Structure formats: structure tokens, C-alpha cells
């Protein structure tokens, strides 16, 4: 499905990003992983990608730093060629808390990574993919969250708000570059079993899900790769919920 396709995944050292990387590699992709600071985790994902049958490379960088984003795209292009797929997955959240307790520092960091970083990544992707810039087209899949429509009260309204902004960016950008060979879509994962959850959050919340279970990273990865593939060739500007019906 992705034989010799270059796929760039931000936040690829763990969770949904790591699962997407390994699954893409198993389908023949060349995977370039961005990660923030966990070198050992990123190296393990690269090794798993190669064992799965694809090639892979990783580079540390902060997506909220413009120079890091440019370096990521440059190194990816040098190693595998310009990316045909961007999985815009990097994001952060802070400890569960009420809005009245948020500090300006917390808000700035969440906005800088989850919104500014997402915009910087899609900007660079458009530059290499767009037929207006000599590219061959491509697909951008933004990793949003069910938090965008649930709001995450008493937990992380700030994170939810940034994912709402990502949804809006997805729809706007999809219309902006549709005639330049680029499709832009988003997945909105619900309660997924990854290490970002604090304390007993998974155990507390899974009963609220109509399917009565927590989702797995591989289930989100399948949705991401569907949106990245030719199987979704007429899908653009779509927000796909992967949330067990919630």
C-alpha cells in the first residue's frame, strides 16, 4: 500500500505515533520520525520499523521551534525524498486541573506545541507537496482528539481547545490546497491506551464509552493510514472520530 512512500510522523516515539510508524513500515513505507527528547524510545521505534519491513530514521526536534521543523523536513528529504504523507501527531498536555488554576506558562506551552507546531509542520508539508511548488501532491493527516468536541472539563480544557483549533485548521487548509494535489484530514481519537493518561484516568472513564472499552493505538493507526492512502482518494477536510462511539 505504501511501497517506497515517504511518511513523516511527528511525535513518533510513543503511543499513536509509534504504532502508526510501525504499521506504515509493515506496508512498505520509508518512515521518518520526529521526537522531542526520548532518544531511546525513538531508536526502538526505528528498529521496530526496520524489523517490520520498511526503512526508518529519527531526528530529535521541537515542533514549536521553526528551525527544528525546517531541519526535520530537510533531513527527511535528504534521507528518503520529500514526504508524500505528513502525520501531524506531536502534541502535549499537562496535569489534570481546572481552568482557574492554569498558569500562563502552561497555556503558552500547550498552544505553542499543539497549535503553532501543527501549523509550522503543515506549512512545510505544503511547500514540498503542492503542485504549485513543483511537488507531486500528498496527504496530511492531523491527529486531533475527541477532546475537541467533549471539552475535557475539570481535566484539560486548554488541550481540548488546541484540538478544536486543529480541527478548524484541517477544514480550512483542506479547502485551500485541494486543487494543488494535497488532501488534508484529521482523526479524533477518544480514550486510547497510551502512557499520556494520568493516574487511573482510563479506569475511571472507559464506562462512558458506548463500546465499553478503551481503544488501542493500532486502531487509530489504521484510521490514519486509511486517510493517508489512495483508498481515501476522494476524502478531504474530514474529521474522523476513532472514539468507540462517544
C-alpha atoms as a PDB file:
ATOM      1  CA  UNK A   1       0.000   0.000   0.000  1.00  0.00           C
ATOM      2  CA  UNK A   2       2.818   2.437   0.821  1.00  0.00           C
ATOM      3  CA  UNK A   3       5.709   0.817  -1.043  1.00  0.00           C
ATOM      4  CA  UNK A   4       8.617   3.317  -1.064  1.00  0.00           C
ATOM      5  CA  UNK A   5       6.309   6.108   0.114  1.00  0.00           C
ATOM      6  CA  UNK A   6       7.973   8.595   2.438  1.00  0.00           C
ATOM      7  CA  UNK A   7       5.887   9.225   5.554  1.00  0.00           C
ATOM      8  CA  UNK A   8       6.913  11.832   8.123  1.00  0.00           C
ATOM      9  CA  UNK A   9       5.426  11.359  11.589  1.00  0.00           C
ATOM     10  CA  UNK A  10       5.816  13.956  14.310  1.00  0.00           C
ATOM     11  CA  UNK A  11       5.746  12.720  17.892  1.00  0.00           C
ATOM     12  CA  UNK A  12       6.629   9.275  16.606  1.00  0.00           C
ATOM     13  CA  UNK A  13       8.487   7.821  19.578  1.00  0.00           C
ATOM     14  CA  UNK A  14       5.470   6.544  21.522  1.00  0.00           C
ATOM     15  CA  UNK A  15       1.749   5.926  21.554  1.00  0.00           C
ATOM     16  CA  UNK A  16      -0.260   6.554  18.408  1.00  0.00           C
ATOM     17  CA  UNK A  17       2.730   7.958  16.531  1.00  0.00           C
ATOM     18  CA  UNK A  18       4.861   4.885  17.196  1.00  0.00           C
ATOM     19  CA  UNK A  19       2.061   2.488  16.241  1.00  0.00           C
ATOM     20  CA  UNK A  20       1.462   4.405  13.018  1.00  0.00           C
ATOM     21  CA  UNK A  21       5.163   4.305  12.183  1.00  0.00           C
ATOM     22  CA  UNK A  22       5.486   0.545  12.603  1.00  0.00           C
ATOM     23  CA  UNK A  23       2.243  -0.181  10.761  1.00  0.00           C
ATOM     24  CA  UNK A  24       3.286   2.054   7.853  1.00  0.00           C
ATOM     25  CA  UNK A  25       6.680   0.366   7.696  1.00  0.00           C
ATOM     26  CA  UNK A  26       4.993  -3.047   7.584  1.00  0.00           C
ATOM     27  CA  UNK A  27       3.246  -1.822   4.443  1.00  0.00           C
ATOM     28  CA  UNK A  28       6.459  -0.788   2.734  1.00  0.00           C
ATOM     29  CA  UNK A  29       6.826   2.852   3.738  1.00  0.00           C
ATOM     30  CA  UNK A  30      10.006   4.746   4.453  1.00  0.00           C
ATOM     31  CA  UNK A  31       9.239   6.323   7.808  1.00  0.00           C
ATOM     32  CA  UNK A  32      10.847   9.452   9.198  1.00  0.00           C
ATOM     33  CA  UNK A  33      10.121  10.009  12.885  1.00  0.00           C
ATOM     34  CA  UNK A  34      10.323  13.250  14.794  1.00  0.00           C
ATOM     35  CA  UNK A  35      10.565  13.103  18.580  1.00  0.00           C
ATOM     36  CA  UNK A  36      11.146  15.690  21.283  1.00  0.00           C
ATOM     37  CA  UNK A  37      13.718  14.188  23.662  1.00  0.00           C
ATOM     38  CA  UNK A  38      13.329  10.438  24.249  1.00  0.00           C
ATOM     39  CA  UNK A  39      16.148   9.120  22.075  1.00  0.00           C
ATOM     40  CA  UNK A  40      15.925   5.541  23.344  1.00  0.00           C
ATOM     41  CA  UNK A  41      12.195   5.296  22.616  1.00  0.00           C
ATOM     42  CA  UNK A  42      12.682   6.733  19.131  1.00  0.00           C
ATOM     43  CA  UNK A  43      15.544   4.322  18.429  1.00  0.00           C
ATOM     44  CA  UNK A  44      13.300   1.419  19.461  1.00  0.00           C
ATOM     45  CA  UNK A  45      10.599   2.569  17.037  1.00  0.00           C
ATOM     46  CA  UNK A  46      13.140   2.867  14.227  1.00  0.00           C
ATOM     47  CA  UNK A  47      14.323  -0.665  14.960  1.00  0.00           C
ATOM     48  CA  UNK A  48      10.731  -1.949  15.005  1.00  0.00           C
ATOM     49  CA  UNK A  49      10.005  -0.242  11.687  1.00  0.00           C
ATOM     50  CA  UNK A  50      13.006  -1.896  10.066  1.00  0.00           C
ATOM     51  CA  UNK A  51      12.044  -5.259  11.518  1.00  0.00           C
ATOM     52  CA  UNK A  52       8.560  -4.776  10.076  1.00  0.00           C
ATOM     53  CA  UNK A  53       9.961  -4.449   6.577  1.00  0.00           C
ATOM     54  CA  UNK A  54      10.325  -0.726   5.965  1.00  0.00           C
ATOM     55  CA  UNK A  55      13.177   1.685   6.445  1.00  0.00           C
ATOM     56  CA  UNK A  56      13.161   4.358   9.118  1.00  0.00           C
ATOM     57  CA  UNK A  57      15.090   7.279  10.548  1.00  0.00           C
ATOM     58  CA  UNK A  58      14.553   9.570  13.528  1.00  0.00           C
ATOM     59  CA  UNK A  59      15.502  13.124  14.428  1.00  0.00           C
ATOM     60  CA  UNK A  60      15.020  14.991  17.691  1.00  0.00           C
ATOM     61  CA  UNK A  61      13.285  18.336  17.463  1.00  0.00           C
ATOM     62  CA  UNK A  62      10.633  20.570  18.989  1.00  0.00           C
ATOM     63  CA  UNK A  63       7.801  21.198  16.536  1.00  0.00           C
ATOM     64  CA  UNK A  64       7.141  24.594  18.131  1.00  0.00           C
ATOM     65  CA  UNK A  65      10.626  25.727  17.054  1.00  0.00           C
ATOM     66  CA  UNK A  66      10.671  26.826  13.428  1.00  0.00           C
ATOM     67  CA  UNK A  67      14.299  25.876  12.823  1.00  0.00           C
ATOM     68  CA  UNK A  68      13.673  22.365  14.154  1.00  0.00           C
ATOM     69  CA  UNK A  69      10.708  21.869  11.840  1.00  0.00           C
ATOM     70  CA  UNK A  70      12.697  23.024   8.822  1.00  0.00           C
ATOM     71  CA  UNK A  71      15.578  20.716   9.767  1.00  0.00           C
ATOM     72  CA  UNK A  72      13.160  17.804  10.106  1.00  0.00           C
ATOM     73  CA  UNK A  73      11.793  18.250   6.596  1.00  0.00           C
ATOM     74  CA  UNK A  74      15.260  18.821   5.138  1.00  0.00           C
ATOM     75  CA  UNK A  75      16.720  15.679   6.706  1.00  0.00           C
ATOM     76  CA  UNK A  76      13.691  13.613   5.730  1.00  0.00           C
ATOM     77  CA  UNK A  77      14.056  14.772   2.115  1.00  0.00           C
ATOM     78  CA  UNK A  78      17.779  14.040   2.087  1.00  0.00           C
ATOM     79  CA  UNK A  79      17.266  10.563   3.535  1.00  0.00           C
ATOM     80  CA  UNK A  80      14.152   9.331   1.727  1.00  0.00           C
ATOM     81  CA  UNK A  81      12.985  12.074  -0.606  1.00  0.00           C
ATOM     82  CA  UNK A  82      10.249  14.639   0.100  1.00  0.00           C
ATOM     83  CA  UNK A  83       7.442  13.275   2.261  1.00  0.00           C
ATOM     84  CA  UNK A  84       4.274  12.243   0.452  1.00  0.00           C
ATOM     85  CA  UNK A  85       2.468  11.924   3.785  1.00  0.00           C
ATOM     86  CA  UNK A  86       2.648  14.030   6.940  1.00  0.00           C
ATOM     87  CA  UNK A  87       1.130  12.580  10.104  1.00  0.00           C
ATOM     88  CA  UNK A  88       0.874  15.691  12.263  1.00  0.00           C
ATOM     89  CA  UNK A  89       0.788  13.900  15.602  1.00  0.00           C
ATOM     90  CA  UNK A  90       3.041  15.744  18.065  1.00  0.00           C
ATOM     91  CA  UNK A  91       1.207  17.243  21.000  1.00  0.00           C
ATOM     92  CA  UNK A  92       1.393  17.771  24.736  1.00  0.00           C
ATOM     93  CA  UNK A  93      -0.928  18.067  27.685  1.00  0.00           C
ATOM     94  CA  UNK A  94      -0.346  18.967  31.311  1.00  0.00           C
ATOM     95  CA  UNK A  95      -1.666  17.590  34.591  1.00  0.00           C
ATOM     96  CA  UNK A  96      -5.403  17.350  35.056  1.00  0.00           C
ATOM     97  CA  UNK A  97      -6.651  20.609  36.527  1.00  0.00           C
ATOM     98  CA  UNK A  98      -9.377  23.230  36.392  1.00  0.00           C
ATOM     99  CA  UNK A  99      -9.020  26.310  34.215  1.00  0.00           C
ATOM    100  CA  UNK A 100      -8.903  28.584  37.274  1.00  0.00           C
ATOM    101  CA  UNK A 101      -5.544  27.044  38.179  1.00  0.00           C
ATOM    102  CA  UNK A 102      -3.824  27.302  34.790  1.00  0.00           C
ATOM    103  CA  UNK A 103      -0.657  29.359  34.599  1.00  0.00           C
ATOM    104  CA  UNK A 104       0.330  31.486  31.631  1.00  0.00           C
ATOM    105  CA  UNK A 105       3.394  29.247  31.231  1.00  0.00           C
ATOM    106  CA  UNK A 106       1.206  26.162  30.883  1.00  0.00           C
ATOM    107  CA  UNK A 107      -1.047  27.846  28.329  1.00  0.00           C
ATOM    108  CA  UNK A 108       1.833  29.171  26.242  1.00  0.00           C
ATOM    109  CA  UNK A 109       3.482  25.744  26.063  1.00  0.00           C
ATOM    110  CA  UNK A 110       0.305  23.897  25.091  1.00  0.00           C
ATOM    111  CA  UNK A 111      -0.577  26.463  22.430  1.00  0.00           C
ATOM    112  CA  UNK A 112       2.967  26.643  21.071  1.00  0.00           C
ATOM    113  CA  UNK A 113       3.297  22.893  20.587  1.00  0.00           C
ATOM    114  CA  UNK A 114      -0.261  21.904  19.711  1.00  0.00           C
ATOM    115  CA  UNK A 115      -1.234  24.845  17.501  1.00  0.00           C
ATOM    116  CA  UNK A 116       1.871  26.747  16.399  1.00  0.00           C
ATOM    117  CA  UNK A 117       3.799  23.499  15.941  1.00  0.00           C
ATOM    118  CA  UNK A 118       0.964  21.942  13.942  1.00  0.00           C
ATOM    119  CA  UNK A 119       0.826  24.967  11.664  1.00  0.00           C
ATOM    120  CA  UNK A 120       4.582  25.018  11.118  1.00  0.00           C
ATOM    121  CA  UNK A 121       4.512  21.347  10.119  1.00  0.00           C
ATOM    122  CA  UNK A 122       1.659  21.688   7.638  1.00  0.00           C
ATOM    123  CA  UNK A 123       3.275  24.806   6.215  1.00  0.00           C
ATOM    124  CA  UNK A 124       6.446  22.918   5.392  1.00  0.00           C
ATOM    125  CA  UNK A 125       4.453  19.951   4.079  1.00  0.00           C
ATOM    126  CA  UNK A 126       2.547  22.175   1.663  1.00  0.00           C
ATOM    127  CA  UNK A 127       5.820  23.601   0.385  1.00  0.00           C
ATOM    128  CA  UNK A 128       7.115  20.164  -0.629  1.00  0.00           C
ATOM    129  CA  UNK A 129       3.811  18.548  -1.664  1.00  0.00           C
ATOM    130  CA  UNK A 130       1.938  21.278  -3.525  1.00  0.00           C
ATOM    131  CA  UNK A 131       1.883  21.165  -7.313  1.00  0.00           C
ATOM    132  CA  UNK A 132       2.171  24.957  -7.126  1.00  0.00           C
ATOM    133  CA  UNK A 133       5.675  24.413  -5.717  1.00  0.00           C
ATOM    134  CA  UNK A 134       6.654  21.633  -8.105  1.00  0.00           C
ATOM    135  CA  UNK A 135       5.539  18.837  -5.807  1.00  0.00           C
ATOM    136  CA  UNK A 136       3.606  15.704  -6.683  1.00  0.00           C
ATOM    137  CA  UNK A 137       0.811  16.144  -4.158  1.00  0.00           C
ATOM    138  CA  UNK A 138       0.343  14.248  -0.927  1.00  0.00           C
ATOM    139  CA  UNK A 139      -1.738  13.701   2.165  1.00  0.00           C
ATOM    140  CA  UNK A 140      -1.736  15.402   5.549  1.00  0.00           C
ATOM    141  CA  UNK A 141      -3.369  13.645   8.483  1.00  0.00           C
ATOM    142  CA  UNK A 142      -3.718  15.736  11.611  1.00  0.00           C
ATOM    143  CA  UNK A 143      -4.112  13.906  14.907  1.00  0.00           C
ATOM    144  CA  UNK A 144      -6.775  15.810  16.793  1.00  0.00           C
ATOM    145  CA  UNK A 145      -8.798  14.436  19.705  1.00  0.00           C
ATOM    146  CA  UNK A 146     -12.327  13.696  20.852  1.00  0.00           C
ATOM    147  CA  UNK A 147     -11.496  16.344  23.452  1.00  0.00           C
ATOM    148  CA  UNK A 148     -12.151  18.904  20.712  1.00  0.00           C
ATOM    149  CA  UNK A 149     -15.905  18.250  20.961  1.00  0.00           C
ATOM    150  CA  UNK A 150     -16.079  16.939  24.548  1.00  0.00           C
ATOM    151  CA  UNK A 151     -14.258  19.922  26.065  1.00  0.00           C
ATOM    152  CA  UNK A 152     -12.472  17.929  28.801  1.00  0.00           C
ATOM    153  CA  UNK A 153     -13.934  19.844  31.766  1.00  0.00           C
ATOM    154  CA  UNK A 154     -12.013  19.543  35.043  1.00  0.00           C
ATOM    155  CA  UNK A 155      -9.154  17.882  33.178  1.00  0.00           C
ATOM    156  CA  UNK A 156      -7.516  19.841  30.355  1.00  0.00           C
ATOM    157  CA  UNK A 157      -9.759  22.366  28.660  1.00  0.00           C
ATOM    158  CA  UNK A 158      -6.613  24.001  27.277  1.00  0.00           C
ATOM    159  CA  UNK A 159      -5.614  20.845  25.403  1.00  0.00           C
ATOM    160  CA  UNK A 160      -9.184  20.410  24.153  1.00  0.00           C
ATOM    161  CA  UNK A 161      -9.191  23.985  22.863  1.00  0.00           C
ATOM    162  CA  UNK A 162      -5.993  23.426  20.892  1.00  0.00           C
ATOM    163  CA  UNK A 163      -7.507  20.337  19.292  1.00  0.00           C
ATOM    164  CA  UNK A 164     -10.570  22.373  18.363  1.00  0.00           C
ATOM    165  CA  UNK A 165      -8.208  24.773  16.633  1.00  0.00           C
ATOM    166  CA  UNK A 166      -6.570  21.854  14.823  1.00  0.00           C
ATOM    167  CA  UNK A 167      -9.987  20.756  13.542  1.00  0.00           C
ATOM    168  CA  UNK A 168     -10.619  24.218  12.134  1.00  0.00           C
ATOM    169  CA  UNK A 169      -7.166  24.317  10.570  1.00  0.00           C
ATOM    170  CA  UNK A 170      -7.821  20.919   8.987  1.00  0.00           C
ATOM    171  CA  UNK A 171     -11.019  22.075   7.310  1.00  0.00           C
ATOM    172  CA  UNK A 172      -9.594  25.391   6.157  1.00  0.00           C
ATOM    173  CA  UNK A 173      -6.331  24.003   4.826  1.00  0.00           C
ATOM    174  CA  UNK A 174      -8.146  21.148   3.080  1.00  0.00           C
ATOM    175  CA  UNK A 175     -10.107  23.669   1.019  1.00  0.00           C
ATOM    176  CA  UNK A 176      -7.065  25.864   0.459  1.00  0.00           C
ATOM    177  CA  UNK A 177      -4.844  23.186  -1.111  1.00  0.00           C
ATOM    178  CA  UNK A 178      -7.386  20.748  -2.567  1.00  0.00           C
ATOM    179  CA  UNK A 179      -6.597  21.786  -6.149  1.00  0.00           C
ATOM    180  CA  UNK A 180      -2.844  21.512  -5.511  1.00  0.00           C
ATOM    181  CA  UNK A 181      -2.858  17.729  -5.107  1.00  0.00           C
ATOM    182  CA  UNK A 182      -2.993  17.697  -1.297  1.00  0.00           C
ATOM    183  CA  UNK A 183      -5.703  16.113   0.822  1.00  0.00           C
ATOM    184  CA  UNK A 184      -5.977  17.205   4.461  1.00  0.00           C
ATOM    185  CA  UNK A 185      -7.952  15.225   7.021  1.00  0.00           C
ATOM    186  CA  UNK A 186      -7.896  14.552  10.759  1.00  0.00           C
ATOM    187  CA  UNK A 187      -8.539  11.704  13.146  1.00  0.00           C
ATOM    188  CA  UNK A 188     -10.069  12.400  16.541  1.00  0.00           C
ATOM    189  CA  UNK A 189      -9.053   9.594  18.923  1.00  0.00           C
ATOM    190  CA  UNK A 190     -11.056   9.050  22.060  1.00  0.00           C
ATOM    191  CA  UNK A 191      -9.837   7.202  25.128  1.00  0.00           C
ATOM    192  CA  UNK A 192      -6.801   5.306  23.844  1.00  0.00           C
ATOM    193  CA  UNK A 193      -4.483   3.130  25.934  1.00  0.00           C
ATOM    194  CA  UNK A 194      -1.264   5.148  25.854  1.00  0.00           C
ATOM    195  CA  UNK A 195       1.045   6.496  28.544  1.00  0.00           C
ATOM    196  CA  UNK A 196      -0.219  10.088  28.366  1.00  0.00           C
ATOM    197  CA  UNK A 197      -3.059   9.397  30.782  1.00  0.00           C
ATOM    198  CA  UNK A 198      -2.676  10.470  34.389  1.00  0.00           C
ATOM    199  CA  UNK A 199      -3.300   8.084  37.276  1.00  0.00           C
ATOM    200  CA  UNK A 200      -6.445   5.976  36.984  1.00  0.00           C
ATOM    201  CA  UNK A 201      -7.997   8.047  34.177  1.00  0.00           C
ATOM    202  CA  UNK A 202      -8.517   5.101  31.824  1.00  0.00           C
ATOM    203  CA  UNK A 203     -10.216   3.057  34.526  1.00  0.00           C
ATOM    204  CA  UNK A 204     -12.439   5.986  35.534  1.00  0.00           C
ATOM    205  CA  UNK A 205     -13.663   6.846  32.055  1.00  0.00           C
ATOM    206  CA  UNK A 206     -13.976   3.711  29.954  1.00  0.00           C
ATOM    207  CA  UNK A 207     -17.530   3.071  31.128  1.00  0.00           C
ATOM    208  CA  UNK A 208     -18.610   6.297  29.407  1.00  0.00           C
ATOM    209  CA  UNK A 209     -17.747   4.790  26.026  1.00  0.00           C
ATOM    210  CA  UNK A 210     -20.641   3.092  24.183  1.00  0.00           C
ATOM    211  CA  UNK A 211     -18.373   0.225  23.096  1.00  0.00           C
ATOM    212  CA  UNK A 212     -17.453  -0.280  26.768  1.00  0.00           C
ATOM    213  CA  UNK A 213     -13.723  -0.485  26.261  1.00  0.00           C
ATOM    214  CA  UNK A 214     -10.605   1.608  25.782  1.00  0.00           C
ATOM    215  CA  UNK A 215      -9.198   1.898  22.256  1.00  0.00           C
ATOM    216  CA  UNK A 216      -5.757   0.732  21.174  1.00  0.00           C
ATOM    217  CA  UNK A 217      -3.097   2.784  19.349  1.00  0.00           C
ATOM    218  CA  UNK A 218      -3.139   0.362  16.417  1.00  0.00           C
ATOM    219  CA  UNK A 219      -6.829   1.092  15.877  1.00  0.00           C
ATOM    220  CA  UNK A 220      -6.063   4.769  15.472  1.00  0.00           C
ATOM    221  CA  UNK A 221      -3.056   3.972  13.273  1.00  0.00           C
ATOM    222  CA  UNK A 222      -5.320   2.045  10.893  1.00  0.00           C
ATOM    223  CA  UNK A 223      -7.577   5.086  10.540  1.00  0.00           C
ATOM    224  CA  UNK A 224      -4.597   7.382   9.987  1.00  0.00           C
ATOM    225  CA  UNK A 225      -3.181   5.191   7.247  1.00  0.00           C
ATOM    226  CA  UNK A 226      -6.581   4.905   5.591  1.00  0.00           C
ATOM    227  CA  UNK A 227      -6.725   8.704   5.333  1.00  0.00           C
ATOM    228  CA  UNK A 228      -3.116   8.766   4.109  1.00  0.00           C
ATOM    229  CA  UNK A 229      -3.732   6.155   1.409  1.00  0.00           C
ATOM    230  CA  UNK A 230      -5.275   6.146  -2.051  1.00  0.00           C
ATOM    231  CA  UNK A 231      -8.201   4.238  -0.527  1.00  0.00           C
ATOM    232  CA  UNK A 232      -9.440   7.653   0.659  1.00  0.00           C
ATOM    233  CA  UNK A 233      -8.641   9.478  -2.583  1.00  0.00           C
ATOM    234  CA  UNK A 234     -11.920  11.472  -2.511  1.00  0.00           C
ATOM    235  CA  UNK A 235     -11.861  12.199   1.219  1.00  0.00           C
ATOM    236  CA  UNK A 236     -10.813  15.748   2.088  1.00  0.00           C
ATOM    237  CA  UNK A 237     -11.489  18.057   5.022  1.00  0.00           C
ATOM    238  CA  UNK A 238     -12.934  15.203   7.081  1.00  0.00           C
ATOM    239  CA  UNK A 239     -12.733  14.786  10.864  1.00  0.00           C
ATOM    240  CA  UNK A 240     -12.837  11.046  11.562  1.00  0.00           C
ATOM    241  CA  UNK A 241     -13.804  10.067  15.099  1.00  0.00           C
ATOM    242  CA  UNK A 242     -11.998   6.996  16.447  1.00  0.00           C
ATOM    243  CA  UNK A 243     -13.652   7.058  19.829  1.00  0.00           C
ATOM    244  CA  UNK A 244     -15.771   3.962  20.350  1.00  0.00           C
ATOM    245  CA  UNK A 245     -18.956   5.887  19.611  1.00  0.00           C
ATOM    246  CA  UNK A 246     -18.545   8.625  22.172  1.00  0.00           C
END
